[in-house]
Amino acid sequence: MTAVGTAVIAGVVTLIGAVLTWLTARGTRRDTALDRAASWWEKSVARLEAEHAEHEARIRSLEESNTQLRDENRTFRSAIREVITWLTANLEHEKQGKGPPLPYSFELLLSRLLRAIDRDD
């Protein structure tokens, strides 16, 4: 082989080596970019799942509070209804001139109402 032929072969081999090196580096960069994107995606999904779990826990807590408030409201309305019923009956009793107030004491009704109010705090 001549010196020119050897130089051409060496040049072609060097060129192929350079192209292969460039392609490998490019593929590595692409793989690295894909790995970063996959990592970002996994972190985002994990963060969203954690936020979702927090929101579900908050919803359950609010539902429990809502149930408790409804129960307290029902108790309070019952106590108010009882006081209003007593007052109405007492007024009718007095309008008819039947004497002293009805036997059920107003203080007892007020204490029930105040207990219902105190439970709401």
Protein backbone atom coordinates (compact mmCIF):
# COMPACT_ATOMS: atom_id res chain seq x y z
CA MET A 1 0.00 0.00 0.00
CA THR A 2 1.11 3.43 -0.75
CA ALA A 3 1.47 6.23 1.70
CA VAL A 4 -1.48 8.04 0.13
CA GLY A 5 -3.72 4.97 0.44
CA THR A 6 -2.71 4.53 4.07
CA ALA A 7 -3.40 8.20 4.77
CA VAL A 8 -6.83 7.97 3.11
CA ILE A 9 -7.72 4.86 5.10
CA ALA A 10 -6.49 6.50 8.33
CA GLY A 11 -8.51 9.61 7.51
CA VAL A 12 -11.67 7.60 6.82
CA VAL A 13 -11.23 5.59 10.04
CA THR A 14 -10.67 8.83 11.98
CA LEU A 15 -13.75 10.39 10.35
CA ILE A 16 -15.89 7.33 11.19
CA GLY A 17 -14.57 7.41 14.77
CA ALA A 18 -15.42 11.10 15.07
CA VAL A 19 -18.93 10.55 13.68
CA LEU A 20 -19.51 7.62 16.03
CA THR A 21 -18.24 9.65 18.97
CA TRP A 22 -20.53 12.54 18.01
CA LEU A 23 -23.54 10.23 17.62
CA THR A 24 -22.82 8.57 20.96
CA ALA A 25 -22.49 11.93 22.71
CA ARG A 26 -25.67 13.15 21.08
CA GLY A 27 -27.53 10.02 22.11
CA THR A 28 -26.20 10.35 25.67
CA ARG A 29 -27.38 13.96 25.82
CA ARG A 30 -30.78 12.91 24.52
CA ASP A 31 -30.96 10.07 27.05
CA THR A 32 -29.94 12.49 29.80
CA ALA A 33 -32.64 14.94 28.71
CA LEU A 34 -35.19 12.12 28.67
CA ASP A 35 -34.04 11.00 32.10
CA ARG A 36 -34.42 14.56 33.43
CA ALA A 37 -37.89 14.85 31.87
CA ALA A 38 -38.91 11.48 33.34
CA SER A 39 -37.56 12.49 36.74
CA TRP A 40 -39.45 15.81 36.58
CA TRP A 41 -42.62 13.95 35.57
CA GLU A 42 -42.29 11.45 38.43
CA LYS A 43 -41.69 14.24 40.95
CA SER A 44 -44.67 16.18 39.59
CA VAL A 45 -46.92 13.14 39.82
CA ALA A 46 -45.74 12.42 43.37
CA ARG A 47 -46.35 16.05 44.37
CA LEU A 48 -49.84 16.03 42.84
CA GLU A 49 -50.69 12.75 44.57
CA ALA A 50 -49.55 14.20 47.91
CA GLU A 51 -51.61 17.34 47.36
CA HIS A 52 -54.61 15.20 46.40
CA ALA A 53 -54.26 13.17 49.60
CA GLU A 54 -54.06 16.41 51.64
CA HIS A 55 -57.19 17.74 49.94
CA GLU A 56 -59.06 14.51 50.58
CA ALA A 57 -58.07 14.66 54.27
CA ARG A 58 -59.22 18.29 54.42
CA ILE A 59 -62.55 17.37 52.79
CA ARG A 60 -63.09 14.57 55.33
CA SER A 61 -62.30 16.98 58.15
CA LEU A 62 -64.73 19.56 56.78
CA GLU A 63 -67.44 16.93 56.38
CA GLU A 64 -66.98 15.87 60.02
CA SER A 65 -67.13 19.50 61.15
CA ASN A 66 -70.23 20.03 59.04
CA THR A 67 -71.94 17.03 60.65
CA GLN A 68 -71.03 18.28 64.11
CA LEU A 69 -72.33 21.78 63.32
CA ARG A 70 -75.58 20.36 61.99
CA ASP A 71 -76.07 18.38 65.21
CA GLU A 72 -75.34 21.46 67.32
CA ASN A 73 -77.68 23.54 65.17
CA ARG A 74 -80.44 20.97 65.60
CA THR A 75 -79.98 21.05 69.40
CA PHE A 76 -79.97 24.84 69.44
CA ARG A 77 -83.10 25.08 67.27
CA SER A 78 -84.85 22.57 69.52
CA ALA A 79 -84.03 24.65 72.61
CA ILE A 80 -85.22 27.86 70.92
CA ARG A 81 -88.41 26.14 69.74
CA GLU A 82 -89.06 25.00 73.31
CA VAL A 83 -88.58 28.53 74.70
CA ILE A 84 -90.86 30.03 72.03
CA THR A 85 -93.52 27.38 72.68
CA TRP A 86 -93.38 28.09 76.41
CA LEU A 87 -93.56 31.87 75.88
CA THR A 88 -96.47 31.53 73.48
CA ALA A 89 -98.38 29.24 75.85
CA ASN A 90 -97.63 31.54 78.78
CA LEU A 91 -98.89 34.59 76.89
CA GLU A 92 -102.09 32.77 75.94
CA HIS A 93 -102.50 31.65 79.55
CA GLU A 94 -102.15 35.24 80.79
CA LYS A 95 -104.42 36.66 78.03
CA GLN A 96 -107.15 34.33 79.14
CA GLY A 97 -106.73 35.65 82.70
CA LYS A 98 -106.01 32.24 84.14
CA GLY A 99 -103.62 33.53 86.77
CA PRO A 100 -99.91 32.91 87.35
CA PRO A 101 -97.55 31.69 84.64
CA LEU A 102 -97.50 28.08 83.60
CA PRO A 103 -95.64 25.71 85.92
CA TYR A 104 -92.72 25.06 83.56
CA SER A 105 -90.12 27.59 84.68
CA PHE A 106 -88.70 30.12 82.31
CA GLU A 107 -85.34 29.83 84.09
CA LEU A 108 -85.15 26.15 83.16
CA LEU A 109 -85.84 26.99 79.52
CA LEU A 110 -83.24 29.74 79.51
CA SER A 111 -80.65 27.46 81.10
CA ARG A 112 -81.31 24.86 78.34
CA LEU A 113 -80.95 27.56 75.71
CA LEU A 114 -77.71 28.82 77.27
CA ARG A 115 -76.29 25.26 77.40
CA ALA A 116 -77.11 24.88 73.71
CA ILE A 117 -75.36 28.17 72.97
CA ASP A 118 -72.32 27.19 75.04
CA ARG A 119 -71.98 23.92 73.09
CA ASP A 120 -71.66 25.94 69.87
CA ASP A 121 -68.44 27.63 71.08
